PDB file of N, CA and C in Angstrom:
ATOM      1  N   MET A   1      22.257 -17.342 -17.347  1.00  0.00           N
ATOM      2  CA  MET A   1      22.396 -15.991 -16.765  1.00  0.00           C
ATOM      3  C   MET A   1      21.138 -15.749 -15.858  1.00  0.00           C
ATOM      4  N   LEU A   2      19.956 -16.200 -16.132  1.00  0.00           N
ATOM      5  CA  LEU A   2      18.795 -16.081 -15.128  1.00  0.00           C
ATOM      6  C   LEU A   2      18.894 -17.048 -13.990  1.00  0.00           C
ATOM      7  N   GLU A   3      18.786 -16.404 -12.885  1.00  0.00           N
ATOM      8  CA  GLU A   3      19.036 -17.351 -11.666  1.00  0.00           C
ATOM      9  C   GLU A   3      17.654 -18.058 -11.194  1.00  0.00           C
ATOM     10  N   ARG A   4      16.595 -17.470 -11.470  1.00  0.00           N
ATOM     11  CA  ARG A   4      15.306 -18.112 -10.959  1.00  0.00           C
ATOM     12  C   ARG A   4      14.178 -17.248 -11.490  1.00  0.00           C
ATOM     13  N   MET A   5      12.935 -17.670 -11.435  1.00  0.00           N
ATOM     14  CA  MET A   5      11.835 -16.950 -11.483  1.00  0.00           C
ATOM     15  C   MET A   5      11.765 -16.154 -10.344  1.00  0.00           C
ATOM     16  N   ASP A   6      11.565 -14.850 -10.341  1.00  0.00           N
ATOM     17  CA  ASP A   6      11.757 -14.060  -9.134  1.00  0.00           C
ATOM     18  C   ASP A   6      10.314 -13.854  -8.399  1.00  0.00           C
ATOM     19  N   THR A   7       9.204 -13.613  -9.310  1.00  0.00           N
ATOM     20  CA  THR A   7       7.976 -13.276  -8.996  1.00  0.00           C
ATOM     21  C   THR A   7       6.925 -13.596 -10.046  1.00  0.00           C
ATOM     22  N   PHE A   8       5.577 -13.578  -9.844  1.00  0.00           N
ATOM     23  CA  PHE A   8       4.678 -13.549 -10.893  1.00  0.00           C
ATOM     24  C   PHE A   8       3.908 -12.226 -10.622  1.00  0.00           C
ATOM     25  N   CYS A   9       3.544 -11.459 -11.557  1.00  0.00           N
ATOM     26  CA  CYS A   9       2.886 -10.309 -11.356  1.00  0.00           C
ATOM     27  C   CYS A   9       1.488 -10.224 -11.801  1.00  0.00           C
ATOM     28  N   LEU A  10       0.469  -9.856 -10.944  1.00  0.00           N
ATOM     29  CA  LEU A  10      -0.890  -9.696 -11.216  1.00  0.00           C
ATOM     30  C   LEU A  10      -1.340  -8.270 -11.195  1.00  0.00           C
ATOM     31  N   HIS A  11      -2.168  -7.950 -12.193  1.00  0.00           N
ATOM     32  CA  HIS A  11      -2.620  -6.536 -12.118  1.00  0.00           C
ATOM     33  C   HIS A  11      -3.993  -6.649 -11.184  1.00  0.00           C
ATOM     34  N   VAL A  12      -4.126  -5.388 -10.473  1.00  0.00           N
ATOM     35  CA  VAL A  12      -5.398  -5.495  -9.581  1.00  0.00           C
ATOM     36  C   VAL A  12      -5.878  -3.975  -9.640  1.00  0.00           C
ATOM     37  N   ARG A  13      -7.095  -3.862  -9.530  1.00  0.00           N
ATOM     38  CA  ARG A  13      -7.763  -2.508  -9.513  1.00  0.00           C
ATOM     39  C   ARG A  13      -7.447  -1.723  -8.368  1.00  0.00           C
ATOM     40  N   HIS A  14      -7.486  -2.266  -7.143  1.00  0.00           N
ATOM     41  CA  HIS A  14      -7.240  -1.392  -5.990  1.00  0.00           C
ATOM     42  C   HIS A  14      -6.125  -2.250  -5.154  1.00  0.00           C
ATOM     43  N   LEU A  15      -5.021  -1.696  -5.024  1.00  0.00           N
ATOM     44  CA  LEU A  15      -4.016  -2.351  -4.437  1.00  0.00           C
ATOM     45  C   LEU A  15      -4.089  -2.639  -2.990  1.00  0.00           C
ATOM     46  N   SER A  16      -4.634  -1.677  -2.274  1.00  0.00           N
ATOM     47  CA  SER A  16      -4.845  -1.965  -0.724  1.00  0.00           C
ATOM     48  C   SER A  16      -5.939  -3.012  -0.473  1.00  0.00           C
ATOM     49  N   GLU A  17      -6.922  -2.842  -1.137  1.00  0.00           N
ATOM     50  CA  GLU A  17      -7.963  -3.933  -1.004  1.00  0.00           C
ATOM     51  C   GLU A  17      -7.606  -5.354  -1.363  1.00  0.00           C
ATOM     52  N   ALA A  18      -6.928  -5.342  -2.528  1.00  0.00           N
ATOM     53  CA  ALA A  18      -6.328  -6.809  -3.015  1.00  0.00           C
ATOM     54  C   ALA A  18      -5.279  -7.268  -2.095  1.00  0.00           C
ATOM     55  N   ARG A  19      -4.494  -6.496  -1.606  1.00  0.00           N
ATOM     56  CA  ARG A  19      -3.402  -6.939  -0.602  1.00  0.00           C
ATOM     57  C   ARG A  19      -4.088  -7.463   0.649  1.00  0.00           C
ATOM     58  N   ARG A  20      -4.936  -6.742   1.211  1.00  0.00           N
ATOM     59  CA  ARG A  20      -5.678  -7.203   2.388  1.00  0.00           C
ATOM     60  C   ARG A  20      -6.504  -8.461   1.984  1.00  0.00           C
ATOM     61  N   TRP A  21      -7.094  -8.720   0.913  1.00  0.00           N
ATOM     62  CA  TRP A  21      -7.705  -9.979   0.495  1.00  0.00           C
ATOM     63  C   TRP A  21      -6.786 -11.242   0.409  1.00  0.00           C
ATOM     64  N   TYR A  22      -5.651 -10.933  -0.127  1.00  0.00           N
ATOM     65  CA  TYR A  22      -4.544 -11.983  -0.180  1.00  0.00           C
ATOM     66  C   TYR A  22      -4.118 -12.364   1.299  1.00  0.00           C
ATOM     67  N   GLU A  23      -3.929 -11.403   2.157  1.00  0.00           N
ATOM     68  CA  GLU A  23      -3.587 -11.665   3.391  1.00  0.00           C
ATOM     69  C   GLU A  23      -4.607 -12.536   4.283  1.00  0.00           C
ATOM     70  N   ARG A  24      -5.880 -11.922   4.063  1.00  0.00           N
ATOM     71  CA  ARG A  24      -6.938 -12.576   4.961  1.00  0.00           C
ATOM     72  C   ARG A  24      -7.180 -14.067   4.249  1.00  0.00           C
ATOM     73  N   ILE A  25      -7.407 -14.245   2.946  1.00  0.00           N
ATOM     74  CA  ILE A  25      -7.803 -15.534   2.373  1.00  0.00           C
ATOM     75  C   ILE A  25      -6.579 -16.489   2.299  1.00  0.00           C
ATOM     76  N   LEU A  26      -5.432 -15.892   1.691  1.00  0.00           N
ATOM     77  CA  LEU A  26      -4.346 -16.912   1.588  1.00  0.00           C
ATOM     78  C   LEU A  26      -3.251 -16.670   2.447  1.00  0.00           C
ATOM     79  N   ASN A  27      -3.398 -15.956   3.657  1.00  0.00           N
ATOM     80  CA  ASN A  27      -2.285 -15.938   4.692  1.00  0.00           C
ATOM     81  C   ASN A  27      -1.060 -15.270   4.102  1.00  0.00           C
ATOM     82  N   ALA A  28      -1.187 -14.506   3.185  1.00  0.00           N
ATOM     83  CA  ALA A  28       0.030 -13.991   2.633  1.00  0.00           C
ATOM     84  C   ALA A  28       0.712 -12.824   3.473  1.00  0.00           C
ATOM     85  N   GLN A  29       1.845 -12.639   3.424  1.00  0.00           N
ATOM     86  CA  GLN A  29       2.792 -11.669   4.204  1.00  0.00           C
ATOM     87  C   GLN A  29       3.228 -10.702   3.246  1.00  0.00           C
ATOM     88  N   THR A  30       3.187  -9.444   3.588  1.00  0.00           N
ATOM     89  CA  THR A  30       3.709  -8.297   2.652  1.00  0.00           C
ATOM     90  C   THR A  30       5.207  -8.319   3.011  1.00  0.00           C
ATOM     91  N   ALA A  31       6.044  -8.601   1.798  1.00  0.00           N
ATOM     92  CA  ALA A  31       7.457  -8.463   2.074  1.00  0.00           C
ATOM     93  C   ALA A  31       7.993  -7.119   1.591  1.00  0.00           C
ATOM     94  N   TYR A  32       7.360  -6.375   0.773  1.00  0.00           N
ATOM     95  CA  TYR A  32       7.822  -5.072   0.237  1.00  0.00           C
ATOM     96  C   TYR A  32       6.577  -4.441  -0.496  1.00  0.00           C
ATOM     97  N   GLN A  33       6.527  -3.025  -0.044  1.00  0.00           N
ATOM     98  CA  GLN A  33       5.343  -2.104  -0.556  1.00  0.00           C
ATOM     99  C   GLN A  33       5.854  -0.947  -1.152  1.00  0.00           C
ATOM    100  N   GLU A  34       5.328  -0.636  -2.405  1.00  0.00           N
ATOM    101  CA  GLU A  34       5.670   0.735  -3.102  1.00  0.00           C
ATOM    102  C   GLU A  34       4.226   1.312  -3.176  1.00  0.00           C
ATOM    103  N   GLU A  35       4.204   2.455  -3.729  1.00  0.00           N
ATOM    104  CA  GLU A  35       2.848   3.109  -3.898  1.00  0.00           C
ATOM    105  C   GLU A  35       1.911   2.368  -4.773  1.00  0.00           C
ATOM    106  N   ASP A  36       2.444   1.845  -5.890  1.00  0.00           N
ATOM    107  CA  ASP A  36       1.671   1.138  -6.850  1.00  0.00           C
ATOM    108  C   ASP A  36       1.867  -0.364  -7.039  1.00  0.00           C
ATOM    109  N   TYR A  37       2.532  -1.027  -6.229  1.00  0.00           N
ATOM    110  CA  TYR A  37       2.800  -2.437  -6.165  1.00  0.00           C
ATOM    111  C   TYR A  37       3.196  -2.926  -4.818  1.00  0.00           C
ATOM    112  N   CYS A  38       3.090  -4.329  -4.625  1.00  0.00           N
ATOM    113  CA  CYS A  38       3.532  -4.880  -3.337  1.00  0.00           C
ATOM    114  C   CYS A  38       3.904  -6.326  -3.666  1.00  0.00           C
ATOM    115  N   VAL A  39       4.805  -6.768  -2.962  1.00  0.00           N
ATOM    116  CA  VAL A  39       5.235  -8.068  -3.224  1.00  0.00           C
ATOM    117  C   VAL A  39       4.787  -8.955  -1.955  1.00  0.00           C
ATOM    118  N   LEU A  40       4.204 -10.039  -2.126  1.00  0.00           N
ATOM    119  CA  LEU A  40       3.620 -10.939  -1.233  1.00  0.00           C
ATOM    120  C   LEU A  40       4.381 -12.236  -1.238  1.00  0.00           C
ATOM    121  N   THR A  41       4.447 -12.853  -0.056  1.00  0.00           N
ATOM    122  CA  THR A  41       5.087 -14.276   0.095  1.00  0.00           C
ATOM    123  C   THR A  41       3.871 -15.164   0.522  1.00  0.00           C
ATOM    124  N   ILE A  42       3.732 -16.288  -0.125  1.00  0.00           N
ATOM    125  CA  ILE A  42       2.448 -17.122   0.306  1.00  0.00           C
ATOM    126  C   ILE A  42       3.175 -18.445   0.388  1.00  0.00           C
ATOM    127  N   GLY A  43       3.528 -18.944   1.658  1.00  0.00           N
ATOM    128  CA  GLY A  43       4.375 -20.260   1.671  1.00  0.00           C
ATOM    129  C   GLY A  43       5.668 -20.036   1.111  1.00  0.00           C
ATOM    130  N   GLY A  44       6.259 -20.985   0.479  1.00  0.00           N
ATOM    131  CA  GLY A  44       7.618 -21.036  -0.167  1.00  0.00           C
ATOM    132  C   GLY A  44       7.461 -20.740  -1.705  1.00  0.00           C
ATOM    133  N   GLY A  45       8.678 -20.751  -2.312  1.00  0.00           N
ATOM    134  CA  GLY A  45       8.654 -20.540  -3.615  1.00  0.00           C
ATOM    135  C   GLY A  45       8.711 -19.177  -4.142  1.00  0.00           C
ATOM    136  N   ALA A  46       8.294 -18.813  -5.401  1.00  0.00           N
ATOM    137  CA  ALA A  46       8.352 -17.460  -5.864  1.00  0.00           C
ATOM    138  C   ALA A  46       7.259 -16.623  -5.244  1.00  0.00           C
ATOM    139  N   PRO A  47       7.579 -15.285  -5.041  1.00  0.00           N
ATOM    140  CA  PRO A  47       6.574 -14.425  -4.397  1.00  0.00           C
ATOM    141  C   PRO A  47       5.428 -14.001  -5.422  1.00  0.00           C
ATOM    142  N   LEU A  48       4.458 -13.346  -5.101  1.00  0.00           N
ATOM    143  CA  LEU A  48       3.464 -12.773  -5.829  1.00  0.00           C
ATOM    144  C   LEU A  48       3.340 -11.356  -5.721  1.00  0.00           C
ATOM    145  N   THR A  49       3.578 -10.643  -6.938  1.00  0.00           N
ATOM    146  CA  THR A  49       3.526  -9.177  -7.003  1.00  0.00           C
ATOM    147  C   THR A  49       2.217  -8.731  -7.356  1.00  0.00           C
ATOM    148  N   LEU A  50       1.577  -7.876  -6.746  1.00  0.00           N
ATOM    149  CA  LEU A  50       0.234  -7.151  -6.931  1.00  0.00           C
ATOM    150  C   LEU A  50       0.661  -5.710  -7.490  1.00  0.00           C
ATOM    151  N   GLU A  51       0.216  -5.552  -8.710  1.00  0.00           N
ATOM    152  CA  GLU A  51       0.662  -4.206  -9.295  1.00  0.00           C
ATOM    153  C   GLU A  51      -0.765  -3.483  -9.751  1.00  0.00           C
ATOM    154  N   GLU A  52      -0.969  -2.345  -9.144  1.00  0.00           N
ATOM    155  CA  GLU A  52      -2.029  -1.584  -9.398  1.00  0.00           C
ATOM    156  C   GLU A  52      -2.170  -1.090 -10.847  1.00  0.00           C
ATOM    157  N   GLY A  53      -3.338  -1.246 -11.491  1.00  0.00           N
ATOM    158  CA  GLY A  53      -3.494  -0.744 -12.871  1.00  0.00           C
ATOM    159  C   GLY A  53      -4.704  -1.382 -13.388  1.00  0.00           C
ATOM    160  N   GLU A  54      -4.906  -1.103 -14.832  1.00  0.00           N
ATOM    161  CA  GLU A  54      -5.996  -1.629 -15.473  1.00  0.00           C
ATOM    162  C   GLU A  54      -5.877  -3.215 -15.571  1.00  0.00           C
ATOM    163  N   VAL A  55      -6.977  -3.848 -15.072  1.00  0.00           N
ATOM    164  CA  VAL A  55      -6.997  -5.273 -15.252  1.00  0.00           C
ATOM    165  C   VAL A  55      -7.510  -5.754 -16.484  1.00  0.00           C
ATOM    166  N   LYS A  56      -6.748  -6.465 -17.332  1.00  0.00           N
ATOM    167  CA  LYS A  56      -7.106  -7.101 -18.586  1.00  0.00           C
ATOM    168  C   LYS A  56      -6.619  -8.496 -18.900  1.00  0.00           C
ATOM    169  N   PRO A  57      -7.234  -9.351 -19.397  1.00  0.00           N
ATOM    170  CA  PRO A  57      -6.937 -10.745 -19.555  1.00  0.00           C
ATOM    171  C   PRO A  57      -5.581 -10.749 -20.313  1.00  0.00           C
ATOM    172  N   GLY A  58      -4.696 -11.548 -19.776  1.00  0.00           N
ATOM    173  CA  GLY A  58      -3.299 -11.635 -20.453  1.00  0.00           C
ATOM    174  C   GLY A  58      -2.402 -10.645 -19.954  1.00  0.00           C
ATOM    175  N   SER A  59      -2.702  -9.881 -18.969  1.00  0.00           N
ATOM    176  CA  SER A  59      -1.718  -8.751 -18.272  1.00  0.00           C
ATOM    177  C   SER A  59      -0.766  -9.178 -17.332  1.00  0.00           C
ATOM    178  N   SER A  60      -1.039 -10.396 -16.818  1.00  0.00           N
ATOM    179  CA  SER A  60      -0.089 -10.989 -15.897  1.00  0.00           C
ATOM    180  C   SER A  60       1.213 -11.418 -16.600  1.00  0.00           C
ATOM    181  N   TYR A  61       2.314 -11.360 -15.862  1.00  0.00           N
ATOM    182  CA  TYR A  61       3.691 -11.678 -16.419  1.00  0.00           C
ATOM    183  C   TYR A  61       4.648 -12.107 -15.450  1.00  0.00           C
ATOM    184  N   PRO A  62       5.493 -13.127 -15.919  1.00  0.00           N
ATOM    185  CA  PRO A  62       6.525 -13.564 -14.790  1.00  0.00           C
ATOM    186  C   PRO A  62       7.714 -12.651 -14.818  1.00  0.00           C
ATOM    187  N   ILE A  63       8.330 -12.577 -13.634  1.00  0.00           N
ATOM    188  CA  ILE A  63       9.591 -11.643 -13.599  1.00  0.00           C
ATOM    189  C   ILE A  63      10.782 -12.586 -13.191  1.00  0.00           C
ATOM    190  N   PHE A  64      11.870 -12.446 -13.908  1.00  0.00           N
ATOM    191  CA  PHE A  64      12.899 -13.410 -13.741  1.00  0.00           C
ATOM    192  C   PHE A  64      14.070 -12.554 -13.011  1.00  0.00           C
ATOM    193  N   TYR A  65      14.821 -13.172 -12.143  1.00  0.00           N
ATOM    194  CA  TYR A  65      15.882 -12.565 -11.455  1.00  0.00           C
ATOM    195  C   TYR A  65      17.229 -12.846 -11.966  1.00  0.00           C
ATOM    196  N   THR A  66      18.044 -11.804 -12.128  1.00  0.00           N
ATOM    197  CA  THR A  66      19.512 -12.146 -12.494  1.00  0.00           C
ATOM    198  C   THR A  66      20.467 -11.261 -11.745  1.00  0.00           C
ATOM    199  N   LYS A  67      21.580 -11.857 -11.302  1.00  0.00           N
ATOM    200  CA  LYS A  67      22.656 -10.874 -10.913  1.00  0.00           C
ATOM    201  C   LYS A  67      23.502 -10.200 -11.934  1.00  0.00           C
ATOM    202  N   ASP A  68      23.417 -10.699 -13.174  1.00  0.00           N
ATOM    203  CA  ASP A  68      24.016 -10.207 -14.262  1.00  0.00           C
ATOM    204  C   ASP A  68      23.130  -9.357 -15.113  1.00  0.00           C
ATOM    205  N   TYR A  69      22.636  -8.243 -14.521  1.00  0.00           N
ATOM    206  CA  TYR A  69      21.653  -7.401 -15.137  1.00  0.00           C
ATOM    207  C   TYR A  69      22.062  -6.890 -16.684  1.00  0.00           C
ATOM    208  N   GLU A  70      23.290  -6.266 -16.749  1.00  0.00           N
ATOM    209  CA  GLU A  70      23.736  -5.683 -17.981  1.00  0.00           C
ATOM    210  C   GLU A  70      23.972  -6.816 -18.802  1.00  0.00           C
ATOM    211  N   GLY A  71      24.576  -7.916 -18.433  1.00  0.00           N
ATOM    212  CA  GLY A  71      24.775  -8.938 -19.353  1.00  0.00           C
ATOM    213  C   GLY A  71      23.656  -9.605 -19.975  1.00  0.00           C
ATOM    214  N   MET A  72      22.715  -9.867 -19.120  1.00  0.00           N
ATOM    215  CA  MET A  72      21.388 -10.480 -19.601  1.00  0.00           C
ATOM    216  C   MET A  72      20.707  -9.400 -20.668  1.00  0.00           C
ATOM    217  N   TYR A  73      20.591  -8.104 -20.369  1.00  0.00           N
ATOM    218  CA  TYR A  73      20.226  -7.146 -21.310  1.00  0.00           C
ATOM    219  C   TYR A  73      20.980  -7.426 -22.695  1.00  0.00           C
ATOM    220  N   MET A  74      22.261  -7.346 -22.670  1.00  0.00           N
ATOM    221  CA  MET A  74      23.011  -7.491 -23.905  1.00  0.00           C
ATOM    222  C   MET A  74      22.797  -8.921 -24.526  1.00  0.00           C
ATOM    223  N   TYR A  75      22.619  -9.940 -23.762  1.00  0.00           N
ATOM    224  CA  TYR A  75      22.428 -11.167 -24.348  1.00  0.00           C
ATOM    225  C   TYR A  75      21.157 -11.268 -25.229  1.00  0.00           C
ATOM    226  N   LEU A  76      20.046 -10.682 -24.598  1.00  0.00           N
ATOM    227  CA  LEU A  76      18.667 -10.641 -25.323  1.00  0.00           C
ATOM    228  C   LEU A  76      18.747  -9.754 -26.499  1.00  0.00           C
ATOM    229  N   GLN A  77      19.424  -8.704 -26.625  1.00  0.00           N
ATOM    230  CA  GLN A  77      19.656  -7.907 -27.736  1.00  0.00           C
ATOM    231  C   GLN A  77      20.409  -8.703 -28.828  1.00  0.00           C
ATOM    232  N   GLU A  78      21.625  -9.380 -28.410  1.00  0.00           N
ATOM    233  CA  GLU A  78      22.395 -10.210 -29.395  1.00  0.00           C
ATOM    234  C   GLU A  78      21.536 -11.148 -29.997  1.00  0.00           C
ATOM    235  N   LYS A  79      20.466 -11.754 -29.330  1.00  0.00           N
ATOM    236  CA  LYS A  79      19.774 -12.800 -29.848  1.00  0.00           C
ATOM    237  C   LYS A  79      18.570 -12.275 -30.455  1.00  0.00           C
ATOM    238  N   GLU A  80      18.612 -10.923 -30.710  1.00  0.00           N
ATOM    239  CA  GLU A  80      17.521 -10.063 -31.601  1.00  0.00           C
ATOM    240  C   GLU A  80      16.050 -10.328 -30.967  1.00  0.00           C
ATOM    241  N   VAL A  81      16.034 -10.358 -29.629  1.00  0.00           N
ATOM    242  CA  VAL A  81      14.803 -10.516 -28.901  1.00  0.00           C
ATOM    243  C   VAL A  81      14.425  -8.962 -28.627  1.00  0.00           C
ATOM    244  N   LYS A  82      13.046  -8.723 -28.850  1.00  0.00           N
ATOM    245  CA  LYS A  82      12.464  -7.301 -28.630  1.00  0.00           C
ATOM    246  C   LYS A  82      12.647  -7.067 -27.135  1.00  0.00           C
ATOM    247  N   VAL A  83      13.404  -6.054 -26.846  1.00  0.00           N
ATOM    248  CA  VAL A  83      13.642  -5.687 -25.401  1.00  0.00           C
ATOM    249  C   VAL A  83      13.338  -4.160 -25.091  1.00  0.00           C
ATOM    250  N   GLY A  84      12.803  -3.965 -24.041  1.00  0.00           N
ATOM    251  CA  GLY A  84      12.414  -2.536 -23.574  1.00  0.00           C
ATOM    252  C   GLY A  84      13.408  -1.797 -22.937  1.00  0.00           C
ATOM    253  N   ALA A  85      13.305  -0.581 -22.743  1.00  0.00           N
ATOM    254  CA  ALA A  85      14.148   0.258 -22.042  1.00  0.00           C
ATOM    255  C   ALA A  85      14.451  -0.162 -20.558  1.00  0.00           C
ATOM    256  N   LYS A  86      15.674   0.113 -20.132  1.00  0.00           N
ATOM    257  CA  LYS A  86      16.096  -0.207 -18.823  1.00  0.00           C
ATOM    258  C   LYS A  86      15.343   0.769 -17.804  1.00  0.00           C
ATOM    259  N   LYS A  87      14.929   0.270 -16.681  1.00  0.00           N
ATOM    260  CA  LYS A  87      14.227   1.157 -15.748  1.00  0.00           C
ATOM    261  C   LYS A  87      14.857   0.745 -14.415  1.00  0.00           C
ATOM    262  N   GLU A  88      14.510   1.667 -13.408  1.00  0.00           N
ATOM    263  CA  GLU A  88      14.705   1.330 -12.048  1.00  0.00           C
ATOM    264  C   GLU A  88      13.873   2.293 -11.118  1.00  0.00           C
ATOM    265  N   ASP A  89      13.720   1.645  -9.921  1.00  0.00           N
ATOM    266  CA  ASP A  89      12.992   2.334  -8.761  1.00  0.00           C
ATOM    267  C   ASP A  89      13.835   2.246  -7.573  1.00  0.00           C
ATOM    268  N   GLU A  90      13.327   2.321  -6.468  1.00  0.00           N
ATOM    269  CA  GLU A  90      14.114   2.560  -5.128  1.00  0.00           C
ATOM    270  C   GLU A  90      14.741   1.135  -4.782  1.00  0.00           C
ATOM    271  N   ALA A  91      14.100   0.185  -5.327  1.00  0.00           N
ATOM    272  CA  ALA A  91      14.449  -1.385  -4.839  1.00  0.00           C
ATOM    273  C   ALA A  91      15.156  -2.035  -5.876  1.00  0.00           C
ATOM    274  N   ARG A  92      14.977  -1.815  -7.212  1.00  0.00           N
ATOM    275  CA  ARG A  92      15.463  -2.712  -8.275  1.00  0.00           C
ATOM    276  C   ARG A  92      15.782  -2.083  -9.629  1.00  0.00           C
ATOM    277  N   GLN A  93      16.442  -2.704 -10.390  1.00  0.00           N
ATOM    278  CA  GLN A  93      16.608  -2.436 -11.773  1.00  0.00           C
ATOM    279  C   GLN A  93      15.743  -3.474 -12.653  1.00  0.00           C
ATOM    280  N   TYR A  94      15.069  -3.000 -13.658  1.00  0.00           N
ATOM    281  CA  TYR A  94      14.347  -4.050 -14.575  1.00  0.00           C
ATOM    282  C   TYR A  94      14.050  -3.558 -15.931  1.00  0.00           C
ATOM    283  N   PHE A  95      13.797  -4.516 -16.695  1.00  0.00           N
ATOM    284  CA  PHE A  95      13.350  -4.272 -18.071  1.00  0.00           C
ATOM    285  C   PHE A  95      12.481  -5.370 -18.520  1.00  0.00           C
ATOM    286  N   ASP A  96      11.757  -4.939 -19.552  1.00  0.00           N
ATOM    287  CA  ASP A  96      10.632  -5.845 -20.137  1.00  0.00           C
ATOM    288  C   ASP A  96      11.317  -6.563 -21.531  1.00  0.00           C
ATOM    289  N   PHE A  97      10.818  -7.690 -21.841  1.00  0.00           N
ATOM    290  CA  PHE A  97      11.167  -8.361 -23.096  1.00  0.00           C
ATOM    291  C   PHE A  97      10.083  -9.080 -23.432  1.00  0.00           C
ATOM    292  N   TYR A  98      10.041  -9.473 -24.820  1.00  0.00           N
ATOM    293  CA  TYR A  98       8.805 -10.018 -25.335  1.00  0.00           C
ATOM    294  C   TYR A  98       9.147 -11.383 -26.022  1.00  0.00           C
ATOM    295  N   ASP A  99       8.155 -12.253 -25.978  1.00  0.00           N
ATOM    296  CA  ASP A  99       8.373 -13.605 -26.767  1.00  0.00           C
ATOM    297  C   ASP A  99       7.949 -13.554 -28.011  1.00  0.00           C
ATOM    298  N   LEU A 100       7.898 -14.451 -28.948  1.00  0.00           N
ATOM    299  CA  LEU A 100       7.479 -14.545 -30.217  1.00  0.00           C
ATOM    300  C   LEU A 100       6.109 -14.133 -30.586  1.00  0.00           C
ATOM    301  N   ASP A 101       5.347 -14.368 -29.401  1.00  0.00           N
ATOM    302  CA  ASP A 101       3.893 -13.961 -29.624  1.00  0.00           C
ATOM    303  C   ASP A 101       3.494 -12.569 -28.875  1.00  0.00           C
ATOM    304  N   GLY A 102       4.569 -11.822 -28.545  1.00  0.00           N
ATOM    305  CA  GLY A 102       4.319 -10.535 -27.939  1.00  0.00           C
ATOM    306  C   GLY A 102       3.988 -10.580 -26.505  1.00  0.00           C
ATOM    307  N   ASN A 103       4.139 -11.810 -25.843  1.00  0.00           N
ATOM    308  CA  ASN A 103       3.787 -11.859 -24.417  1.00  0.00           C
ATOM    309  C   ASN A 103       5.089 -11.168 -23.595  1.00  0.00           C
ATOM    310  N   LYS A 104       4.499 -10.314 -22.661  1.00  0.00           N
ATOM    311  CA  LYS A 104       5.541  -9.602 -21.815  1.00  0.00           C
ATOM    312  C   LYS A 104       6.062 -10.478 -20.856  1.00  0.00           C
ATOM    313  N   LEU A 105       7.470 -10.390 -20.577  1.00  0.00           N
ATOM    314  CA  LEU A 105       8.304 -10.985 -19.633  1.00  0.00           C
ATOM    315  C   LEU A 105       9.111  -9.874 -19.133  1.00  0.00           C
ATOM    316  N   GLN A 106       9.633 -10.170 -17.836  1.00  0.00           N
ATOM    317  CA  GLN A 106      10.407  -9.095 -17.214  1.00  0.00           C
ATOM    318  C   GLN A 106      11.603  -9.638 -16.709  1.00  0.00           C
ATOM    319  N   VAL A 107      12.802  -8.909 -16.558  1.00  0.00           N
ATOM    320  CA  VAL A 107      14.082  -9.385 -15.810  1.00  0.00           C
ATOM    321  C   VAL A 107      14.287  -8.302 -14.765  1.00  0.00           C
ATOM    322  N   CYS A 108      14.609  -8.677 -13.523  1.00  0.00           N
ATOM    323  CA  CYS A 108      14.842  -7.686 -12.443  1.00  0.00           C
ATOM    324  C   CYS A 108      16.359  -8.184 -11.876  1.00  0.00           C
ATOM    325  N   SER A 109      16.793  -7.089 -11.235  1.00  0.00           N
ATOM    326  CA  SER A 109      17.983  -7.379 -10.536  1.00  0.00           C
ATOM    327  C   SER A 109      17.972  -6.423  -9.270  1.00  0.00           C
ATOM    328  N   TYR A 110      18.430  -6.764  -8.073  1.00  0.00           N
ATOM    329  CA  TYR A 110      18.469  -5.990  -6.758  1.00  0.00           C
ATOM    330  C   TYR A 110      19.425  -6.482  -5.886  1.00  0.00           C
ATOM    331  N   GLU A 111      19.778  -5.672  -4.801  1.00  0.00           N
ATOM    332  CA  GLU A 111      20.690  -6.142  -3.738  1.00  0.00           C
ATOM    333  C   GLU A 111      19.842  -7.220  -2.944  1.00  0.00           C
ATOM    334  N   SER A 112      20.503  -8.301  -2.608  1.00  0.00           N
ATOM    335  CA  SER A 112      19.638  -9.184  -1.675  1.00  0.00           C
ATOM    336  C   SER A 112      20.352  -9.334  -0.396  1.00  0.00           C
TER     337      SER A 112
END
């Protein structure tokens, strides 16, 4: 059901400063920007999402992409995985889920 790892999310204190640093140092390109997060491309492969918020160790998490958003949500529930509420913003639908150790993972879906 999962198509690929969509992005890896890092929490940063100041989004605009962090975005400029990644652009200047790693030659990142901004693919998408919202008020509190941005998606950067760096070469090929999965993008990097910078999310403004409290920076704390272990707060980074992978985001997986699926075309079957509802099916993936139901599948995880059927497997008795701890699953958070479904959410959406202007660009995507998403929900969090957690592994056996309580590590946050996320699933997203969007029109490509």
